[in-house]
Amino acid sequence: MESSRSQAQTHIAIALALVALLAISGCSAAKTRTFEVTAYCACSECTDWERGSWRYLKLNFWNRYVSAGADKGRIYTGRTASGTWPREPHPGLFSLSSVTQPWKLPFRILFPWLWFAHDGTIAADTRYYPFGTRLYVPGYGYGVVEDRGGAIKGPKRLDLYYDSHDTALQWGRRDVKVKILD
């Protein structure tokens, strides 16, 4: 009886020591903060580019050029400020989304690039959230800060990337409680 009681006390002491160690090291739960969140896509309305250059009288309409800001007139590549290609988040094959939306399962099984989850692209003020900061936005999913927008200023503004302009417009502008994971 005595040994089982002392063994239980030892387990409790170890558990408390681990909790204290986690609290001291900063490995605690993710921070949650309310953000004003908008959405954007790769269209010319959202990212300020235009087809053709006035230098060539718009005859090279197959090329895209930046139409506003400090880079006006330069070729528009479509890459983010960190140099990556923007993308929407994808939950992957082994996710809750496969259970709640079973009609998507055959496509996720047939196409191997849909097996794995990947994070979406988020634009933020990199003075507060550097490139690589991982966030969870309810209604969007997991995303990584890979871009910075011209109107994204301050610690409480985010922009979410969508593949479709209509989907970005449906998101609109919302105040959302976002989890900051990194």
C-alpha atoms as a PDB file:
ATOM      1  CA  MET A   1       0.000   0.000   0.000  1.00  0.00           C
ATOM      2  CA  GLU A   2       2.795   2.374   0.932  1.00  0.00           C
ATOM      3  CA  SER A   3       4.727   1.652  -2.263  1.00  0.00           C
ATOM      4  CA  SER A   4       1.712   2.246  -4.523  1.00  0.00           C
ATOM      5  CA  ARG A   5       1.010   5.567  -2.779  1.00  0.00           C
ATOM      6  CA  SER A   6       4.630   6.684  -3.121  1.00  0.00           C
ATOM      7  CA  GLN A   7       4.628   5.533  -6.752  1.00  0.00           C
ATOM      8  CA  ALA A   8       1.503   7.609  -7.458  1.00  0.00           C
ATOM      9  CA  GLN A   9       3.095  10.622  -5.768  1.00  0.00           C
ATOM     10  CA  THR A  10       6.197  10.158  -7.920  1.00  0.00           C
ATOM     11  CA  HIS A  11       4.086  10.093 -11.103  1.00  0.00           C
ATOM     12  CA  ILE A  12       2.252  13.249 -10.038  1.00  0.00           C
ATOM     13  CA  ALA A  13       5.554  14.989  -9.275  1.00  0.00           C
ATOM     14  CA  ILE A  14       6.942  14.039 -12.684  1.00  0.00           C
ATOM     15  CA  ALA A  15       3.794  15.280 -14.448  1.00  0.00           C
ATOM     16  CA  LEU A  16       3.939  18.610 -12.587  1.00  0.00           C
ATOM     17  CA  ALA A  17       7.628  18.963 -13.417  1.00  0.00           C
ATOM     18  CA  LEU A  18       6.893  18.386 -17.110  1.00  0.00           C
ATOM     19  CA  VAL A  19       4.084  20.965 -17.086  1.00  0.00           C
ATOM     20  CA  ALA A  20       6.376  23.484 -15.381  1.00  0.00           C
ATOM     21  CA  LEU A  21       9.141  22.749 -17.887  1.00  0.00           C
ATOM     22  CA  LEU A  22       6.764  23.316 -20.824  1.00  0.00           C
ATOM     23  CA  ALA A  23       5.531  26.577 -19.313  1.00  0.00           C
ATOM     24  CA  ILE A  24       9.075  27.843 -18.754  1.00  0.00           C
ATOM     25  CA  SER A  25      10.324  26.837 -22.215  1.00  0.00           C
ATOM     26  CA  GLY A  26       7.457  28.607 -23.989  1.00  0.00           C
ATOM     27  CA  CYS A  27       6.066  25.434 -25.583  1.00  0.00           C
ATOM     28  CA  SER A  28       2.544  26.237 -24.534  1.00  0.00           C
ATOM     29  CA  ALA A  29      -0.673  26.506 -26.510  1.00  0.00           C
ATOM     30  CA  ALA A  30      -0.872  28.658 -29.643  1.00  0.00           C
ATOM     31  CA  LYS A  31      -1.652  32.344 -29.229  1.00  0.00           C
ATOM     32  CA  THR A  32      -5.058  33.490 -30.443  1.00  0.00           C
ATOM     33  CA  ARG A  33      -5.617  37.011 -31.726  1.00  0.00           C
ATOM     34  CA  THR A  34      -8.451  38.749 -33.586  1.00  0.00           C
ATOM     35  CA  PHE A  35      -7.464  39.895 -37.086  1.00  0.00           C
ATOM     36  CA  GLU A  36      -9.173  41.848 -39.831  1.00  0.00           C
ATOM     37  CA  VAL A  37      -8.905  39.314 -42.659  1.00  0.00           C
ATOM     38  CA  THR A  38      -9.493  39.964 -46.358  1.00  0.00           C
ATOM     39  CA  ALA A  39      -8.932  37.738 -49.401  1.00  0.00           C
ATOM     40  CA  TYR A  40      -7.162  38.099 -52.736  1.00  0.00           C
ATOM     41  CA  CYS A  41      -6.441  36.087 -55.880  1.00  0.00           C
ATOM     42  CA  ALA A  42      -3.975  36.316 -58.774  1.00  0.00           C
ATOM     43  CA  CYS A  43      -6.219  38.425 -61.010  1.00  0.00           C
ATOM     44  CA  SER A  44      -5.291  41.907 -62.217  1.00  0.00           C
ATOM     45  CA  GLU A  45      -7.870  43.516 -59.902  1.00  0.00           C
ATOM     46  CA  CYS A  46      -6.358  42.003 -56.776  1.00  0.00           C
ATOM     47  CA  THR A  47      -2.643  42.175 -57.601  1.00  0.00           C
ATOM     48  CA  ASP A  48      -2.230  45.283 -59.820  1.00  0.00           C
ATOM     49  CA  TRP A  49      -0.965  43.906 -63.114  1.00  0.00           C
ATOM     50  CA  GLU A  50      -1.995  44.584 -66.709  1.00  0.00           C
ATOM     51  CA  ARG A  51      -1.516  42.855 -70.046  1.00  0.00           C
ATOM     52  CA  GLY A  52       0.974  44.473 -72.408  1.00  0.00           C
ATOM     53  CA  SER A  53       3.200  47.493 -71.923  1.00  0.00           C
ATOM     54  CA  TRP A  54       2.572  51.021 -73.188  1.00  0.00           C
ATOM     55  CA  ARG A  55       6.214  51.040 -74.258  1.00  0.00           C
ATOM     56  CA  TYR A  56       5.196  48.557 -76.982  1.00  0.00           C
ATOM     57  CA  LEU A  57       1.775  50.188 -77.556  1.00  0.00           C
ATOM     58  CA  LYS A  58       0.163  47.223 -75.794  1.00  0.00           C
ATOM     59  CA  LEU A  59       1.030  45.005 -78.781  1.00  0.00           C
ATOM     60  CA  ASN A  60       2.734  42.490 -76.469  1.00  0.00           C
ATOM     61  CA  PHE A  61      -0.574  41.709 -74.719  1.00  0.00           C
ATOM     62  CA  TRP A  62       0.628  38.192 -73.791  1.00  0.00           C
ATOM     63  CA  ASN A  63       3.052  39.681 -71.216  1.00  0.00           C
ATOM     64  CA  ARG A  64       1.960  40.902 -67.794  1.00  0.00           C
ATOM     65  CA  TYR A  65       3.389  44.026 -66.185  1.00  0.00           C
ATOM     66  CA  VAL A  66       3.015  45.599 -62.733  1.00  0.00           C
ATOM     67  CA  SER A  67       0.666  48.555 -63.069  1.00  0.00           C
ATOM     68  CA  ALA A  68       1.075  50.318 -59.700  1.00  0.00           C
ATOM     69  CA  GLY A  69       3.521  50.869 -56.877  1.00  0.00           C
ATOM     70  CA  ALA A  70       7.307  50.992 -56.755  1.00  0.00           C
ATOM     71  CA  ASP A  71       7.688  48.179 -59.339  1.00  0.00           C
ATOM     72  CA  LYS A  72       5.409  49.809 -61.932  1.00  0.00           C
ATOM     73  CA  GLY A  73       6.421  48.749 -65.436  1.00  0.00           C
ATOM     74  CA  ARG A  74       8.357  45.646 -64.387  1.00  0.00           C
ATOM     75  CA  ILE A  75       7.308  42.198 -65.565  1.00  0.00           C
ATOM     76  CA  TYR A  76       4.785  40.559 -63.239  1.00  0.00           C
ATOM     77  CA  THR A  77       5.844  36.994 -62.388  1.00  0.00           C
ATOM     78  CA  GLY A  78       2.957  35.981 -60.114  1.00  0.00           C
ATOM     79  CA  ARG A  79       5.281  34.908 -57.299  1.00  0.00           C
ATOM     80  CA  THR A  80       4.881  36.055 -53.709  1.00  0.00           C
ATOM     81  CA  ALA A  81       7.270  38.424 -51.937  1.00  0.00           C
ATOM     82  CA  SER A  82       9.098  35.405 -50.479  1.00  0.00           C
ATOM     83  CA  GLY A  83       9.549  33.916 -53.975  1.00  0.00           C
ATOM     84  CA  THR A  84       7.008  31.070 -53.741  1.00  0.00           C
ATOM     85  CA  TRP A  85       3.954  30.404 -55.898  1.00  0.00           C
ATOM     86  CA  PRO A  86       0.751  31.307 -54.018  1.00  0.00           C
ATOM     87  CA  ARG A  87      -1.752  28.532 -53.308  1.00  0.00           C
ATOM     88  CA  GLU A  88      -4.923  27.742 -51.439  1.00  0.00           C
ATOM     89  CA  PRO A  89      -4.753  25.343 -48.495  1.00  0.00           C
ATOM     90  CA  HIS A  90      -5.530  21.693 -49.176  1.00  0.00           C
ATOM     91  CA  PRO A  91      -6.500  19.295 -46.345  1.00  0.00           C
ATOM     92  CA  GLY A  92      -5.131  16.107 -47.934  1.00  0.00           C
ATOM     93  CA  LEU A  93      -6.462  12.557 -48.113  1.00  0.00           C
ATOM     94  CA  PHE A  94      -6.285  11.669 -44.420  1.00  0.00           C
ATOM     95  CA  SER A  95      -8.240  14.569 -42.969  1.00  0.00           C
ATOM     96  CA  LEU A  96     -11.595  15.331 -41.434  1.00  0.00           C
ATOM     97  CA  SER A  97     -12.555  16.895 -44.778  1.00  0.00           C
ATOM     98  CA  SER A  98     -12.476  13.447 -46.414  1.00  0.00           C
ATOM     99  CA  VAL A  99     -15.067  12.260 -43.886  1.00  0.00           C
ATOM    100  CA  THR A 100     -17.327  15.317 -44.056  1.00  0.00           C
ATOM    101  CA  GLN A 101     -17.118  15.593 -47.869  1.00  0.00           C
ATOM    102  CA  PRO A 102     -17.014  11.967 -49.104  1.00  0.00           C
ATOM    103  CA  TRP A 103     -17.818  12.950 -52.707  1.00  0.00           C
ATOM    104  CA  LYS A 104     -14.283  14.377 -52.978  1.00  0.00           C
ATOM    105  CA  LEU A 105     -12.679  11.100 -51.892  1.00  0.00           C
ATOM    106  CA  PRO A 106     -12.446   9.431 -55.360  1.00  0.00           C
ATOM    107  CA  PHE A 107     -10.558  12.443 -56.742  1.00  0.00           C
ATOM    108  CA  ARG A 108      -8.216  12.534 -53.766  1.00  0.00           C
ATOM    109  CA  ILE A 109      -7.449   8.839 -54.229  1.00  0.00           C
ATOM    110  CA  LEU A 110      -6.980   8.982 -58.021  1.00  0.00           C
ATOM    111  CA  PHE A 111      -4.664  11.991 -58.101  1.00  0.00           C
ATOM    112  CA  PRO A 112      -1.536  11.501 -55.959  1.00  0.00           C
ATOM    113  CA  TRP A 113      -0.845  15.236 -55.594  1.00  0.00           C
ATOM    114  CA  LEU A 114      -4.086  15.472 -53.596  1.00  0.00           C
ATOM    115  CA  TRP A 115      -2.954  12.867 -51.030  1.00  0.00           C
ATOM    116  CA  PHE A 116      -0.863  15.266 -48.990  1.00  0.00           C
ATOM    117  CA  ALA A 117      -1.990  18.356 -47.117  1.00  0.00           C
ATOM    118  CA  HIS A 118      -0.383  21.718 -47.815  1.00  0.00           C
ATOM    119  CA  ASP A 119      -0.793  25.136 -46.263  1.00  0.00           C
ATOM    120  CA  GLY A 120      -2.209  28.146 -48.041  1.00  0.00           C
ATOM    121  CA  THR A 121      -0.528  31.482 -48.694  1.00  0.00           C
ATOM    122  CA  ILE A 122      -1.155  34.340 -46.299  1.00  0.00           C
ATOM    123  CA  ALA A 123      -0.040  37.950 -46.718  1.00  0.00           C
ATOM    124  CA  ALA A 124       0.861  39.805 -43.522  1.00  0.00           C
ATOM    125  CA  ASP A 125       3.006  42.689 -42.327  1.00  0.00           C
ATOM    126  CA  THR A 126       6.408  40.984 -42.070  1.00  0.00           C
ATOM    127  CA  ARG A 127       7.572  43.359 -39.343  1.00  0.00           C
ATOM    128  CA  TYR A 128       5.170  41.542 -37.012  1.00  0.00           C
ATOM    129  CA  TYR A 129       4.885  38.096 -38.659  1.00  0.00           C
ATOM    130  CA  PRO A 130       8.013  37.082 -40.592  1.00  0.00           C
ATOM    131  CA  PHE A 131       7.944  34.770 -43.604  1.00  0.00           C
ATOM    132  CA  GLY A 132       7.304  31.205 -42.493  1.00  0.00           C
ATOM    133  CA  THR A 133       4.943  32.048 -39.621  1.00  0.00           C
ATOM    134  CA  ARG A 134       2.221  29.395 -39.570  1.00  0.00           C
ATOM    135  CA  LEU A 135      -1.361  30.441 -38.783  1.00  0.00           C
ATOM    136  CA  TYR A 136      -4.735  28.732 -38.529  1.00  0.00           C
ATOM    137  CA  VAL A 137      -7.660  30.786 -39.869  1.00  0.00           C
ATOM    138  CA  PRO A 138     -11.145  29.321 -39.205  1.00  0.00           C
ATOM    139  CA  GLY A 139     -13.018  28.950 -42.482  1.00  0.00           C
ATOM    140  CA  TYR A 140      -9.766  28.932 -44.490  1.00  0.00           C
ATOM    141  CA  GLY A 141      -7.457  26.413 -42.859  1.00  0.00           C
ATOM    142  CA  TYR A 142      -3.732  26.399 -42.187  1.00  0.00           C
ATOM    143  CA  GLY A 143      -1.568  28.945 -43.928  1.00  0.00           C
ATOM    144  CA  VAL A 144       1.968  30.287 -43.948  1.00  0.00           C
ATOM    145  CA  VAL A 145       3.004  33.924 -44.236  1.00  0.00           C
ATOM    146  CA  GLU A 146       4.680  34.064 -47.673  1.00  0.00           C
ATOM    147  CA  ASP A 147       3.556  37.440 -48.986  1.00  0.00           C
ATOM    148  CA  ARG A 148       3.073  41.036 -47.982  1.00  0.00           C
ATOM    149  CA  GLY A 149       0.435  43.246 -49.527  1.00  0.00           C
ATOM    150  CA  GLY A 150       0.451  46.980 -50.123  1.00  0.00           C
ATOM    151  CA  ALA A 151      -2.572  47.498 -47.847  1.00  0.00           C
ATOM    152  CA  ILE A 152      -1.503  44.981 -45.186  1.00  0.00           C
ATOM    153  CA  LYS A 153      -0.119  47.236 -42.475  1.00  0.00           C
ATOM    154  CA  GLY A 154      -0.008  46.561 -38.756  1.00  0.00           C
ATOM    155  CA  PRO A 155      -0.199  43.549 -36.475  1.00  0.00           C
ATOM    156  CA  LYS A 156      -3.937  42.894 -36.934  1.00  0.00           C
ATOM    157  CA  ARG A 157      -4.307  42.596 -40.747  1.00  0.00           C
ATOM    158  CA  LEU A 158      -4.084  39.491 -42.950  1.00  0.00           C
ATOM    159  CA  ASP A 159      -4.814  38.630 -46.575  1.00  0.00           C
ATOM    160  CA  LEU A 160      -5.701  35.073 -47.637  1.00  0.00           C
ATOM    161  CA  TYR A 161      -4.924  33.711 -51.110  1.00  0.00           C
ATOM    162  CA  TYR A 162      -7.666  32.022 -53.139  1.00  0.00           C
ATOM    163  CA  ASP A 163      -7.409  30.517 -56.645  1.00  0.00           C
ATOM    164  CA  SER A 164     -10.704  32.125 -57.699  1.00  0.00           C
ATOM    165  CA  HIS A 165     -11.699  35.799 -57.664  1.00  0.00           C
ATOM    166  CA  ASP A 166     -15.316  34.849 -56.876  1.00  0.00           C
ATOM    167  CA  THR A 167     -14.233  32.845 -53.826  1.00  0.00           C
ATOM    168  CA  ALA A 168     -12.079  35.750 -52.662  1.00  0.00           C
ATOM    169  CA  LEU A 169     -15.065  38.090 -53.016  1.00  0.00           C
ATOM    170  CA  GLN A 170     -17.269  35.656 -51.062  1.00  0.00           C
ATOM    171  CA  TRP A 171     -14.791  35.801 -48.184  1.00  0.00           C
ATOM    172  CA  GLY A 172     -14.872  39.603 -48.245  1.00  0.00           C
ATOM    173  CA  ARG A 173     -13.615  41.282 -45.080  1.00  0.00           C
ATOM    174  CA  ARG A 174     -14.084  39.585 -41.713  1.00  0.00           C
ATOM    175  CA  ASP A 175     -12.901  39.845 -38.150  1.00  0.00           C
ATOM    176  CA  VAL A 176     -11.620  36.380 -37.269  1.00  0.00           C
ATOM    177  CA  LYS A 177      -9.881  34.842 -34.253  1.00  0.00           C
ATOM    178  CA  VAL A 178      -6.669  33.400 -35.707  1.00  0.00           C
ATOM    179  CA  LYS A 179      -4.296  30.961 -34.005  1.00  0.00           C
ATOM    180  CA  ILE A 180      -0.627  31.862 -34.353  1.00  0.00           C
ATOM    181  CA  LEU A 181       1.231  28.532 -34.329  1.00  0.00           C
ATOM    182  CA  ASP A 182       4.864  29.608 -34.942  1.00  0.00           C
END
